[in-house]
Amino acid sequence: MRKLSGPEVAKLLVEYGRRTALAGGNPYRAKAYIRAAENLIAQTEPLGRLIEDDRLREIPGIGDAISDIVTQLAQTGFHPSLEKMRSEIPPGVLELLSIPGLRPEKVLKLYRELGVKSIEELELAAREDRIKSVKGLGASLQQKILQGLAAYRDTQGARHVHRAEALVAVAAESLKRSNSLVRKVVPAGDFRRGNELVVKLVLVALLDVLEGERKLAAGDVTIVFTDQKRFGITLLLATGSESHLHELKAIATTKGYQLTAEGLKEGRKLIASRTESEIYKALGLQYIEPELREGRGEVKQASAKKRFPRLVDQNDLRGILHAHTDASDGAATLKEMAGAVRERGFQYFGVSDHSRTAHYAGGLSVEEIDAQHAEIDRLNKRSAGDFRIFKGIESDILPDGSLDYPADVLQRFDFIIASVHGQFRMDRAAQTKRILSAVRNPFVTILGHMTGRQLLRRPGYEVDVEKVLKACAKHGVAVEINSNSWRLDLDWRWYQQGLRLGCRFSINPDAHSISEIDLVRWGVALARKGGLTPNKILNCFDLKAFTTWVDDRKTKAARCAGLMEEKHFR
C-alpha cells in the first residue's frame, strides 16, 4: 500500500478533528487535531523521514496520541476511529463547519432536521426561508448563515495573521533543521506586507551556495531559495503585491531597465539585486516599507521629492489602553495586569473593564467602580512616579447612542472607550446616528472597534465610516485600532482618510489576559500598513503628555456637563 504524504495525512487529520467535533467529543481535542494538521502541512521534511527518525513529537501540537494517529494514517491511510465516524455523517456535512457562526450542534441539527449535506444545500435552505422555522435554529441563525456564506466565499484560504505567523515559524524551523546550508529564513508575501488576513504563506531562504532560483512547495507554504547575490530581488518579488511590482516594472521600463528574477538589469548588465534598498534606489525611488506595497499610489509618492514620513513601530508606544481585568471578563487582577504592562517597559496602563450593561461580560456596577478606583489610587501611591494606572471604562453605546452610567459617574473616569456590543442589525442610518451621538458625548475619549467586524466570523455592522471619522476629528475622539487579530478594526484602508479629516488614532490590545497585552503588535502592523506616524497615535504620548491630554479633556467634559464643582471633578 502506498504511504501517504504529509499534506495527505494533514487532510485526513482535519477530517478527524471535524468529525470529532460533530460527534460531540471534547471540543479542545477536536481543535487540537486541526492545529496539528496545520503544523504538519508546514513541514519541509518528508513525513516518512520524520516518522522513521521518531521526530513527529517535535512538531508543535503533536503529542503521543496524535503521533500514533498520524503514523497509522501515513502508513495505512486508515484509522478505525475515523472509519467509524465516517459511517455516521456524510462527508459534505463537514464542510458546513467552514461557515462562520455555525457550531457543530447547529450543523448536526441542519443535517438531521433539514437533510442539509453540503454548502450548496445550506444556501438553498437559507434562501428558501426553511431554516428559521426549525426549533433551535431560527431566523437569527438563518441571517447569520447568509452572512457567513458571503464571508466564506470572500475569504476562502485566508488565515488570521496570528495563525499565519505560527505556521511560518513552524515551516522556518523545519527548514533550518533539515537543511544545514540555510543561513536565514525571512517571511514574505501577504504576511510581510502586514495584511490582516494571509492567503499565501511564502518564505525566502538564503543559502550559502545556489545556482539559480529554486522553489519548494511544502503543503500550504512556498519556499523560495536564493543566494546572497539575488537575495534582495528574490525577497522583493516574493513579497509583492502584484500591483506594486507591476508599477515598479513600469518605472524600470521608462528608464530603459528590466526588473527580472535576476535583478534590475540594463540589457545584460545587472544594476541591482543584492538588497531591496539598492533596487529602489537604482529606480530613483525612496525605499518603500513592505506594509505599503499595495499599488495604492506608494510608488508615485516614492518618486516625489517629499520623503515618506517614518512609520510607527512598537517602540514608539508608551502606554497600553483598553484592557480588561477579572473585575469584568478578564483573566488577571488589576495589579497583575498593571505589573505586566510595566514590566514590558510601558509608562502607563489604562484599565477599561466593561460597563454595567454588558452583564454577559461581568460589567461593573457603580459600587465596583468605586472599589476599583480605590485600588488604583493605592497602587499609584506605591509607584515611583514613572508609571501610572489611569481609570477607564469600556462603556457600551446603548441603542439610543447614550452611554452607561449618569454624568456624575462618567466624570470619575480618566478616559472612556465607547463601543457597540449589541443591536448589530440596525440599518446604516440608525447605526451611524447611534455612534455619532456617542462620539459627541464630551466624556468619550476613544471610539472602540468602530465597525464591530470579526475577521472570518462576521462582517461589520452597517455604518457610514466617513461620517463617523469626521465626527471623531471634530470632537477630538481617538479612533481605536483594535489589535485583536480576530478584529483588527478599523480597517487600515480608512486611515489616510482619517488623517485627512484630522483624526487621531489609538493602538489598543483589547486584552483580556496578560499575554494579550502583546496583541498591540498586530495593531502596529496595521497602523504601518495604513501609513500612520507616531505623532498621530494617542498612546505614543509619553506619560506627561498623555496626562495633560487626559486632564484637558476631563476639564472640558466637566464644563460641558456642568460638573465643575471640586467634589465632582476629583
Foldseek 3Di string as FASTA:
>chain_A
DAFDWLLVLLVLLLLVLLLCQLVVHDNVVSVLSNLLSLQSLLAPDTPVVCVVVVNSVVGPSDDDVNNVVSVCCRGPVDDVVSVVSCVVAPPQLSCLVLFFPDGSVNSVCCCVVVVDRHLVSLLVCLVVVNQQVDPPQHDVNSVLRVQRVVLCVVAPQKDALVSLVVSLVSNQVNVVVVDVQWPHKDWAAPNQLLDLIGRATEIETEGCDDDDWDWDNRRRYIYIYDYQQQRALQRDVRRDDPLLVVVLQVLLVVVQWGQDSNGIGNVPRHQGGRHVCSRQVVSQFHRDRSNQRDNPCRRVVRNDPDDADDADAPVLFQEAAQAEAPLWQFDHHPVVQQVLRVVVPHQEYEYAEEADVPVVRNHDDLVSLVVVVVVQVVVQVPDPPRHHYFYEYAWEQDQQQDTPDDPLSLLVGLAYEYEHDDPLADAAVSLQNSPLSNLPQLRHAEHPQPFPAFRSHGGGGRYDVLVNLLSCQVNVHAYEQALDSRRRPPQLVCLVVSVVSRHAHEQHQNHRYSVSRVSSNSSSSSSVSSSHHSVRYQSSDHPVVNSVVSVVSSCVNCVVVVNPDPVRND
